[in-house]
Protein backbone atom coordinates (compact mmCIF):
# COMPACT_ATOMS: atom_id res chain seq x y z
CA MET A 1 336.32 -4.99 174.02
CA LYS A 2 333.81 -7.86 174.14
CA LYS A 3 333.29 -9.78 170.91
CA ILE A 4 330.49 -12.27 170.32
CA PHE A 5 330.55 -14.64 167.33
CA ILE A 6 327.38 -16.52 166.39
CA ASP A 7 327.45 -19.52 164.07
CA ARG A 8 324.24 -21.29 163.05
CA ASN A 9 324.10 -24.23 160.65
CA GLU A 10 321.90 -27.25 159.95
CA LYS A 11 323.04 -29.11 163.08
CA PHE A 12 324.37 -26.63 165.64
CA LEU A 13 324.04 -23.17 167.08
CA ARG A 14 327.39 -22.09 168.51
CA ILE A 15 328.32 -18.86 170.27
CA ALA A 16 331.86 -17.79 171.16
CA PHE A 17 332.57 -14.99 173.62
CA ARG A 18 335.91 -13.18 173.50
CA GLU A 19 337.17 -10.46 175.78
CA GLN A 20 340.42 -8.61 175.05
CA ASP A 21 340.78 -11.11 172.17
CA ILE A 22 340.93 -14.04 174.62
CA LEU A 23 338.34 -16.77 174.23
CA LYS A 24 336.38 -16.79 177.51
CA GLU A 25 333.21 -18.82 177.02
CA LEU A 26 331.55 -21.11 174.50
CA PHE A 27 327.87 -22.01 174.17
CA PHE A 28 326.51 -24.91 172.11
CA GLN A 29 322.99 -25.94 171.20
CA GLN A 30 322.23 -28.92 168.99
CA ASN A 31 319.16 -28.70 166.79
CA GLY A 32 316.26 -30.68 168.26
CA GLN A 33 317.69 -30.36 171.76
CA ARG A 34 315.42 -29.09 174.51
CA TYR A 35 316.72 -25.77 175.84
CA PRO A 36 316.02 -24.01 179.17
CA GLY A 37 313.26 -21.44 178.83
CA GLU A 38 311.09 -23.36 176.38
CA VAL A 39 307.47 -23.84 177.50
CA TYR A 40 305.47 -26.97 176.64
CA LYS A 41 302.01 -28.30 177.09
CA GLY A 42 302.44 -31.76 178.56
CA ILE A 43 300.50 -34.77 179.81
CA VAL A 44 301.43 -36.61 183.00
CA LYS A 45 302.49 -40.15 182.04
CA ASN A 46 303.84 -41.57 185.27
CA ILE A 47 304.20 -40.57 188.93
CA VAL A 48 306.98 -42.15 191.05
CA PRO A 49 306.46 -41.20 194.73
CA ALA A 50 309.67 -42.98 195.82
CA ILE A 51 311.83 -40.40 194.04
CA LYS A 52 309.23 -37.60 194.25
CA SER A 53 309.18 -37.25 190.49
CA VAL A 54 306.63 -37.10 187.71
CA PHE A 55 307.33 -37.97 184.08
CA ILE A 56 305.60 -35.91 181.42
CA ASP A 57 304.98 -36.38 177.70
CA ILE A 58 305.62 -33.07 175.88
CA GLY A 59 305.13 -34.45 172.37
CA GLU A 60 308.82 -35.16 171.77
CA ASN A 61 310.80 -38.41 171.49
CA LYS A 62 311.81 -38.38 175.14
CA ASN A 63 309.69 -37.74 178.24
CA VAL A 64 310.77 -34.99 180.62
CA TYR A 65 310.71 -35.15 184.40
CA MET A 66 309.69 -32.80 187.23
CA TYR A 67 310.26 -32.95 190.98
CA LEU A 68 307.15 -32.87 193.16
CA ASP A 69 307.21 -29.89 195.51
CA ASN A 70 304.42 -28.57 197.75
CA ARG A 71 305.78 -25.04 197.36
CA LEU A 72 305.07 -25.22 193.63
CA LYS A 73 301.64 -26.76 194.21
CA ASN A 74 302.35 -29.75 191.96
CA SER A 75 302.26 -32.59 194.51
CA LYS A 76 298.66 -33.60 193.72
CA LEU A 77 299.03 -34.27 190.00
CA LYS A 78 297.23 -37.24 188.47
CA LYS A 79 298.13 -39.51 185.59
CA GLY A 80 296.71 -38.18 182.31
CA GLN A 81 296.43 -34.63 183.63
CA GLU A 82 297.45 -31.77 181.31
CA ILE A 83 300.11 -29.40 182.64
CA LEU A 84 302.09 -26.38 181.43
CA VAL A 85 305.82 -26.80 182.08
CA GLN A 86 309.07 -25.00 181.34
CA VAL A 87 312.46 -26.59 180.66
CA ILE A 88 314.99 -25.68 183.36
CA LYS A 89 317.71 -28.24 182.51
CA GLU A 90 318.33 -29.61 179.04
CA ASP A 91 318.38 -33.33 178.33
CA LEU A 92 321.73 -35.08 178.65
CA GLY A 93 322.43 -38.56 177.29
CA LYS A 94 319.51 -40.87 177.99
CA LYS A 95 318.19 -38.58 180.70
CA GLY A 96 315.30 -36.37 179.65
CA ALA A 97 315.11 -32.65 180.31
CA ARG A 98 314.10 -31.41 183.73
CA VAL A 99 311.05 -29.14 183.81
CA SER A 100 309.04 -27.10 186.29
CA ASN A 101 305.48 -25.83 186.44
CA CYS A 102 306.94 -22.49 187.54
CA ILE A 103 307.10 -20.36 184.38
CA ASN A 104 309.87 -17.74 184.19
CA ILE A 105 310.15 -15.19 181.38
CA PRO A 106 313.41 -13.22 181.63
CA GLY A 107 314.10 -9.68 180.57
CA LYS A 108 317.19 -7.54 180.90
CA TYR A 109 316.15 -5.91 184.19
CA CYS A 110 313.64 -8.35 185.66
CA VAL A 111 312.24 -11.87 185.43
CA LEU A 112 308.49 -12.51 185.46
CA ASN A 113 307.24 -15.68 187.14
CA ASN A 114 303.88 -17.22 188.07
CA THR A 115 304.76 -18.09 191.67
CA GLY A 116 302.60 -15.38 193.22
CA LYS A 117 305.49 -14.25 195.47
CA GLY A 118 305.23 -10.59 194.50
CA ILE A 119 308.42 -8.53 194.21
CA GLU A 120 311.81 -10.07 194.98
CA PHE A 121 315.33 -8.75 194.45
CA SER A 122 318.68 -10.15 193.43
CA LYS A 123 320.88 -10.84 196.47
CA LYS A 124 323.45 -8.47 194.99
CA ILE A 125 321.03 -5.53 195.31
CA ILE A 126 321.52 -4.07 198.80
CA ASP A 127 320.19 -0.55 198.18
CA ASN A 128 317.12 -0.32 200.48
CA GLU A 129 315.96 3.00 198.99
CA PHE A 130 315.91 1.46 195.53
CA LYS A 131 313.91 -1.49 196.87
CA LYS A 132 311.36 0.80 198.56
CA ASN A 133 310.97 2.80 195.34
CA ILE A 134 310.33 -0.32 193.25
CA ILE A 135 307.85 -1.78 195.76
CA HIS A 136 305.97 1.55 195.87
CA ASN A 137 305.76 2.06 192.11
CA LEU A 138 305.45 -1.46 190.76
CA HIS A 139 302.10 -3.25 191.06
CA ILE A 140 302.05 -6.96 190.24
CA PRO A 141 298.86 -8.81 189.15
CA ASP A 142 297.56 -11.47 191.53
CA GLY A 143 299.26 -14.82 191.18
CA MET A 144 302.34 -13.33 189.55
CA GLY A 145 305.82 -12.56 190.78
CA ILE A 146 308.84 -10.57 189.66
CA MET A 147 312.55 -10.89 190.39
CA ILE A 148 314.55 -7.69 189.91
CA ARG A 149 317.87 -8.67 188.35
CA THR A 150 321.19 -7.17 189.43
CA LEU A 151 321.28 -4.99 186.31
CA GLY A 152 317.83 -3.68 187.26
CA HIS A 153 319.49 -1.54 189.93
CA GLU A 154 320.72 0.69 187.11
CA ALA A 155 317.22 1.18 185.65
CA SER A 156 314.36 3.42 186.74
CA SER A 157 311.13 2.04 188.16
CA SER A 158 309.29 3.17 185.00
CA THR A 159 311.75 1.27 182.78
CA ILE A 160 311.33 -1.87 184.88
CA LYS A 161 307.54 -1.49 184.79
CA MET A 162 307.62 -1.14 181.00
CA GLU A 163 309.68 -4.32 180.69
CA PHE A 164 307.45 -6.21 183.13
CA ASP A 165 304.33 -5.21 181.18
CA SER A 166 305.96 -6.51 178.00
CA LEU A 167 306.85 -9.83 179.69
CA TYR A 168 303.33 -10.11 181.13
CA GLU A 169 301.84 -9.79 177.62
CA ILE A 170 304.05 -12.71 176.53
CA TYR A 171 302.87 -14.74 179.53
CA LYS A 172 299.19 -14.09 178.71
CA LYS A 173 299.75 -15.25 175.13
CA ILE A 174 301.34 -18.45 176.47
CA ILE A 175 298.30 -19.14 178.65
CA ILE A 176 295.87 -18.53 175.77
CA LYS A 177 297.85 -20.73 173.36
CA ASN A 178 297.99 -23.48 175.98
CA GLU A 179 294.22 -23.38 176.47
CA TYR A 180 293.52 -23.69 172.75
CA SER A 181 296.15 -26.35 172.01
CA LEU A 182 294.58 -29.78 171.57
CA LYS A 183 297.74 -31.85 172.08
CA SER A 184 301.04 -31.71 173.90
CA GLY A 185 303.90 -29.81 172.29
CA LEU A 186 305.89 -26.59 172.22
CA ILE A 187 303.95 -23.50 173.32
CA PHE A 188 306.71 -20.90 173.62
CA ALA A 189 310.28 -21.16 172.30
CA GLY A 190 311.61 -18.06 174.03
CA ASP A 191 314.66 -16.28 172.70
CA GLY A 192 316.96 -19.22 173.44
CA ILE A 193 320.66 -19.17 174.00
CA ILE A 194 321.16 -16.00 171.93
CA GLY A 195 318.71 -14.05 174.12
CA LYS A 196 320.47 -15.28 177.26
CA ILE A 197 323.86 -14.15 175.93
CA LEU A 198 322.54 -10.72 175.01
CA ARG A 199 320.95 -10.24 178.44
CA ASP A 200 323.95 -11.50 180.40
CA LYS A 201 326.87 -10.10 178.41
CA LEU A 202 325.77 -6.69 177.16
CA GLN A 203 325.95 -3.92 179.73
CA ASP A 204 327.44 -1.02 177.74
CA ASP A 205 328.36 -0.24 174.13
CA ASN A 206 331.86 -1.69 174.36
CA PHE A 207 331.11 -4.78 172.26
CA MET A 208 330.86 -6.16 168.73
CA ILE A 209 328.62 -8.97 167.52
CA TYR A 210 329.46 -10.96 164.37
CA VAL A 211 326.67 -13.06 162.85
CA HIS A 212 326.10 -14.71 159.46
CA ASN A 213 322.45 -15.80 159.72
CA GLU A 214 319.97 -13.16 158.48
CA ASP A 215 317.18 -14.06 160.92
CA ASP A 216 319.59 -13.91 163.86
CA TYR A 217 320.93 -10.60 162.57
CA GLU A 218 317.47 -9.02 162.49
CA LYS A 219 316.48 -10.34 165.94
CA ILE A 220 319.70 -9.13 167.54
CA LYS A 221 319.39 -5.77 165.84
CA GLY A 222 315.87 -5.47 167.29
CA HIS A 223 317.22 -6.27 170.76
CA LEU A 224 319.90 -3.59 170.45
CA GLU A 225 317.30 -1.02 169.37
CA GLN A 226 314.93 -1.99 172.20
CA TYR A 227 317.61 -1.40 174.85
CA ASN A 228 319.20 1.63 173.18
CA TYR A 229 322.50 0.00 172.23
CA ASN A 230 324.49 1.24 169.26
CA ILE A 231 323.16 -0.75 166.28
CA ASN A 232 326.53 -0.30 164.54
CA ASN A 233 327.90 -2.79 167.07
CA ILE A 234 326.58 -5.70 165.02
CA GLU A 235 328.22 -6.85 161.79
CA PHE A 236 326.77 -9.25 159.25
CA TYR A 237 329.36 -11.72 158.00
CA SER A 238 328.70 -12.59 154.35
CA GLY A 239 331.76 -14.72 153.59
CA ASN A 240 331.54 -18.27 152.25
CA ARG A 241 333.78 -19.73 154.94
CA ASN A 242 332.34 -20.71 158.29
CA ILE A 243 332.47 -17.73 160.63
CA PHE A 244 334.28 -19.67 163.38
CA ASP A 245 336.87 -20.84 160.88
CA TYR A 246 337.33 -17.32 159.47
CA TYR A 247 337.96 -15.81 162.92
CA ASN A 248 340.28 -18.66 164.03
CA ILE A 249 337.93 -19.99 166.71
CA GLU A 250 337.59 -23.52 165.35
CA ASN A 251 341.13 -24.60 166.27
CA GLU A 252 340.74 -23.15 169.77
CA ILE A 253 337.63 -25.26 170.29
CA LEU A 254 339.38 -28.46 169.21
CA SER A 255 342.32 -27.68 171.52
CA LEU A 256 339.91 -27.88 174.47
CA ARG A 257 339.91 -31.66 174.06
CA ASN A 258 343.49 -31.65 175.33
CA LYS A 259 343.87 -32.61 178.98
CA ARG A 260 347.08 -30.63 179.43
CA VAL A 261 347.11 -26.82 179.39
CA TYR A 262 350.44 -24.98 179.61
CA LEU A 263 351.08 -21.84 181.67
CA LYS A 264 353.33 -18.88 180.76
CA CYS A 265 355.67 -19.66 183.66
CA GLY A 266 356.47 -23.11 182.26
CA GLY A 267 354.11 -25.04 184.51
CA TYR A 268 350.92 -26.76 183.38
CA ILE A 269 347.59 -28.07 184.55
CA VAL A 270 345.99 -31.43 183.72
CA ILE A 271 342.19 -31.72 183.52
CA ASP A 272 340.67 -35.17 183.97
CA LYS A 273 337.05 -36.27 184.05
CA THR A 274 335.95 -39.11 186.30
CA GLU A 275 332.50 -40.62 186.75
CA ALA A 276 331.76 -38.38 189.74
CA MET A 277 333.80 -35.20 189.25
CA TYR A 278 336.48 -33.27 187.40
CA VAL A 279 340.00 -33.37 188.82
CA ILE A 280 342.58 -30.68 188.00
CA ASP A 281 346.23 -31.24 188.87
CA VAL A 282 348.75 -28.35 188.98
CA ASN A 283 352.38 -29.08 188.05
CA SER A 284 355.45 -26.82 188.14
CA GLY A 285 356.83 -28.33 184.92
CA LYS A 286 359.73 -26.23 183.61
CA ASN A 287 359.16 -23.42 186.11
CA VAL A 288 362.36 -23.86 188.13
CA LYS A 289 363.89 -20.38 187.80
CA GLY A 290 362.46 -18.74 190.95
CA SER A 291 364.64 -17.31 193.72
CA SER A 292 363.04 -19.69 196.23
CA MET A 293 360.85 -22.77 196.27
CA GLU A 294 357.97 -20.90 197.93
CA HIS A 295 358.07 -18.16 195.28
CA THR A 296 358.20 -20.69 192.43
CA VAL A 297 355.29 -22.66 193.85
CA PHE A 298 353.20 -19.54 194.48
CA THR A 299 353.84 -18.18 190.96
CA THR A 300 352.81 -21.49 189.40
CA ASN A 301 349.68 -21.78 191.56
CA LEU A 302 348.74 -18.16 190.84
CA GLN A 303 348.90 -18.61 187.06
CA ALA A 304 347.20 -21.99 187.39
CA ALA A 305 344.28 -20.44 189.33
CA GLN A 306 343.73 -17.86 186.57
CA GLU A 307 343.85 -20.50 183.84
CA ILE A 308 341.65 -22.91 185.81
CA VAL A 309 338.87 -20.31 186.02
CA ARG A 310 339.13 -19.71 182.28
CA GLN A 311 339.12 -23.41 181.46
CA ILE A 312 336.16 -24.20 183.73
CA ARG A 313 334.06 -21.48 182.12
CA LEU A 314 335.33 -22.18 178.61
CA ARG A 315 334.75 -25.94 178.83
CA ASN A 316 331.57 -25.34 180.90
CA LEU A 317 332.59 -27.81 183.59
CA SER A 318 330.04 -28.31 186.36
CA GLY A 319 329.31 -30.41 189.42
CA ILE A 320 332.24 -31.10 191.75
CA ILE A 321 335.65 -29.86 190.59
CA LEU A 322 338.64 -30.85 192.72
CA ILE A 323 341.92 -28.91 192.33
CA ASP A 324 345.25 -30.26 193.55
CA PHE A 325 347.47 -27.19 193.85
CA ILE A 326 351.18 -27.53 194.59
CA ASP A 327 351.57 -27.54 198.39
CA MET A 328 351.99 -24.10 199.98
CA ASP A 329 352.89 -23.36 203.60
CA LYS A 330 351.91 -19.69 203.91
CA GLN A 331 348.27 -19.04 204.69
CA GLU A 332 348.57 -15.62 203.01
CA ASN A 333 349.43 -17.28 199.68
CA LYS A 334 346.52 -19.70 200.02
CA SER A 335 344.15 -16.79 200.67
CA GLN A 336 345.33 -15.03 197.51
CA ILE A 337 344.69 -18.14 195.44
CA LEU A 338 341.16 -18.49 196.83
CA GLU A 339 340.48 -14.79 196.25
CA LEU A 340 341.63 -15.10 192.64
CA LEU A 341 339.34 -18.10 192.06
CA ARG A 342 336.31 -16.38 193.60
CA LYS A 343 336.95 -13.18 191.69
CA GLY A 344 337.12 -15.14 188.43
CA PHE A 345 333.62 -16.54 189.01
CA PHE A 346 332.09 -13.30 190.30
CA ASP A 347 330.13 -12.57 187.10
CA ASP A 348 329.52 -16.24 186.30
CA LYS A 349 325.82 -16.87 185.74
CA ASN A 350 326.29 -20.52 186.77
CA LYS A 351 326.17 -20.45 190.56
CA THR A 352 329.69 -21.35 191.74
CA LEU A 353 331.05 -21.96 195.24
CA VAL A 354 334.78 -22.07 196.05
CA TYR A 355 335.62 -23.83 199.32
CA GLN A 356 338.64 -23.41 201.60
CA PHE A 357 341.83 -25.45 201.24
CA THR A 358 341.53 -28.86 202.88
CA GLU A 359 344.17 -30.41 205.11
CA LEU A 360 345.54 -32.13 202.01
CA ASN A 361 345.87 -28.75 200.22
CA LEU A 362 342.96 -29.49 197.87
CA VAL A 363 340.39 -26.91 196.76
CA GLN A 364 336.84 -27.97 195.95
CA ILE A 365 334.62 -26.00 193.58
CA ALA A 366 330.90 -26.71 193.19
CA ARG A 367 329.39 -25.28 189.99
CA LYS A 368 325.76 -25.54 188.96
CA ARG A 369 325.18 -27.14 185.57
CA PHE A 370 323.71 -25.00 182.82
CA GLY A 371 324.11 -26.33 179.31
CA ARG A 372 326.48 -29.05 178.15
CA SER A 373 330.20 -29.24 178.73
CA ILE A 374 332.53 -29.00 175.74
CA TYR A 375 332.98 -32.78 175.95
CA ASP A 376 329.23 -33.47 175.81
CA SER A 377 328.89 -31.01 172.92
CA ILE A 378 331.58 -32.23 170.52
CA GLU A 379 332.47 -35.75 171.67
CA GLU A 380 330.76 -39.13 171.66
CA LYS A 381 331.67 -42.66 172.71
CA CYS A 382 333.95 -44.47 170.28
CA LYS A 383 332.36 -47.75 169.19
CA CYS A 384 335.68 -49.13 167.92
CA CYS A 385 337.09 -49.34 171.44
CA ARG A 386 333.83 -50.66 172.95
CA GLY A 387 332.86 -47.35 174.47
CA SER A 388 336.02 -46.99 176.57
CA GLY A 389 337.22 -43.92 174.66
CA ASN A 390 335.82 -40.77 173.09
CA ARG A 391 336.00 -39.29 169.63
CA ILE A 392 334.74 -36.10 168.02
CA ARG A 393 331.05 -36.46 167.18
CA PHE A 394 330.49 -37.67 163.61
CA SER A 395 328.11 -34.76 162.97
CA TYR A 396 330.66 -32.30 164.33
CA ILE A 397 333.60 -33.62 162.31
CA SER A 398 331.39 -33.58 159.20
CA MET A 399 330.79 -29.88 159.83
CA LEU A 400 334.56 -29.28 160.21
CA ILE A 401 335.23 -31.05 156.92
CA LYS A 402 332.60 -28.87 155.27
CA ASN A 403 334.40 -25.80 156.63
CA GLU A 404 337.66 -26.99 155.05
CA ILE A 405 335.99 -27.57 151.68
CA GLU A 406 334.53 -24.05 151.81
CA ARG A 407 337.98 -22.67 152.63
CA ILE A 408 339.46 -24.49 149.63
CA ASN A 409 336.69 -23.06 147.44
CA GLU A 410 337.83 -19.55 148.35
CA GLU A 411 341.16 -20.25 146.70
CA GLY A 412 339.55 -21.22 143.39
CA ILE A 413 337.15 -23.70 141.83
CA ILE A 414 338.36 -27.17 142.80
CA GLN A 415 336.41 -30.18 141.48
CA ASN A 416 338.40 -33.01 143.06
CA ILE A 417 339.00 -33.30 146.81
CA HIS A 418 340.73 -35.95 148.89
CA ILE A 419 339.62 -36.53 152.48
CA GLU A 420 341.65 -38.60 154.92
CA ILE A 421 339.71 -39.51 158.06
CA GLY A 422 340.12 -41.80 161.05
CA ASN A 423 339.08 -45.46 160.89
CA THR A 424 336.64 -44.87 163.74
CA TYR A 425 334.26 -43.11 161.30
CA LYS A 426 334.31 -45.80 158.59
CA ARG A 427 331.17 -47.54 159.83
CA ASP A 428 329.22 -44.26 160.02
CA ILE A 429 330.19 -43.20 156.51
CA GLU A 430 329.53 -46.54 154.87
CA LYS A 431 326.18 -46.81 156.65
CA ASN A 432 324.88 -43.81 154.66
CA THR A 433 327.45 -42.47 152.21
CA GLN A 434 325.06 -40.05 150.54
CA TYR A 435 324.15 -38.49 153.88
CA PHE A 436 327.84 -37.94 154.59
CA LEU A 437 328.39 -36.35 151.16
CA ASN A 438 325.43 -34.01 151.71
CA SER A 439 326.60 -33.07 155.21
CA ILE A 440 330.03 -31.95 153.95
CA GLY A 441 328.56 -29.84 151.14
CA SER A 442 330.15 -31.88 148.33
CA LYS A 443 327.62 -31.07 145.63
CA HIS A 444 329.20 -30.86 142.14
CA LYS A 445 332.52 -32.19 143.50
CA ASN A 446 334.36 -35.47 143.26
CA ILE A 447 335.22 -36.79 146.72
CA TYR A 448 338.01 -39.32 147.24
CA LEU A 449 338.02 -40.82 150.73
CA THR A 450 340.72 -42.81 152.51
CA TYR A 451 340.95 -44.03 156.11
CA SER A 452 343.90 -43.94 158.49
CA HIS A 453 344.77 -44.12 162.17
CA THR A 454 344.54 -40.32 162.54
CA GLU A 455 342.22 -38.97 165.24
CA TYR A 456 341.10 -36.02 163.15
CA PHE A 457 341.02 -35.57 159.36
CA LYS A 458 342.82 -33.95 156.44
CA VAL A 459 341.27 -32.29 153.39
CA GLU A 460 343.37 -31.52 150.31
CA PRO A 461 342.58 -30.46 146.73
CA LEU A 462 343.58 -32.77 143.87
CA VAL A 463 344.82 -30.49 141.13
CA PHE A 464 346.95 -32.69 138.88
CA SER A 465 345.80 -35.71 136.90
CA ASN A 466 348.39 -38.00 138.48
CA GLN A 467 346.95 -37.14 141.93
CA ILE A 468 343.45 -38.02 140.74
CA ASP A 469 344.68 -41.30 139.23
CA GLU A 470 346.35 -42.18 142.53
CA PHE A 471 343.07 -41.96 144.44
CA LYS A 472 340.55 -42.95 141.73
CA GLU A 473 339.68 -46.24 143.44
CA PHE A 474 338.64 -44.33 146.57
CA LYS A 475 336.09 -42.11 144.81
CA LEU A 476 332.82 -41.95 146.79
CA ASN A 477 330.32 -40.29 144.46
CA LYS A 478 330.77 -42.45 141.38
């Protein structure tokens, strides 16, 4: 069964996807972050012909950029010109979000666009009779286009038409709002990352969704009713503890910071990030019990290939990924490894290409970026080591501490709490102590804080008076 867990708080929206109780994918969105699908009214601020790019002010702190392309009829823009754009790649670091003047509004069965290309089909749809039926029964307004998604093959032409009409009404409202807006800014927020997950992951009633935010609960329930899913497949979590903590997802997320991942056979893989790519090394480790070297190597590589697919999708690695498998002589074994990798990415919505083994027995994977990797989502540069290392984001570790305090509260009313945290966060906490206290939900509690060389943190209740006396000099909210 598929299980989807949705956690929304003041700083993050996080979604975890489990299948057969194995964590498969994670999705993060930080509040204030531009997300693909959002539509903005913008003003052209600068045109750079040398890199065929235009930079646009959308009313946010950071300008976005767009590539000039004759096919999209945007190569004759002028400075100061107003333009309607849609985010297609979120901002990352100092780089602003990438946008396009091609507006796409996705549904479950089709995607509306304003390219004027008429009716197009997913490459996975090869049924010519289905295509003829859709082309005959579906009439698209001038200037518009429609892409029939793979799942659309399972729907009737009338169902697709009904969805297209609904999407077209949304598009017309966007155009009207854009015309009446006097300044640049957000025109259409879309249904965000939650909508994408619901469209991509739900195909039958074999799923459960767990959510603790009331607005999200109502929107998801409406989606399930619209597409005739069983509305009993959503459960509202009303506990005080964070939903990821309650369902034991939090520790799994933190474990993804580890470079080394162990395999059942005793072998392991090591995941390293360089400036240009990710490199994954496969090692036999303690797997030395096979009847032959070839069998031992193949078993290790086979398990490694399965785990590599899971880790790439779970950590949301993208760009160039280079895998150094243990050397194999038989071409048949190499073919099985490649087949396993390709099969693992078959339903991956991030376009992924798996290339043949090179002469050095390396496999290259190219994966399109969509969203941030786990490292970009929960890590930041450590100022203590002059930016040469990474640490968990201060905002993220504050959220984890808040989770621990809420867990302690479940066990009884505790007024005094001791927090031990790494020295790398001392500057952030002392810069704005009250902000830190608010972010960890410490209202009506006495917080005693000490620093150590630990990478993470520890939260413990102070129950006895001698414990409180021991830490009284470290009390924050005096």
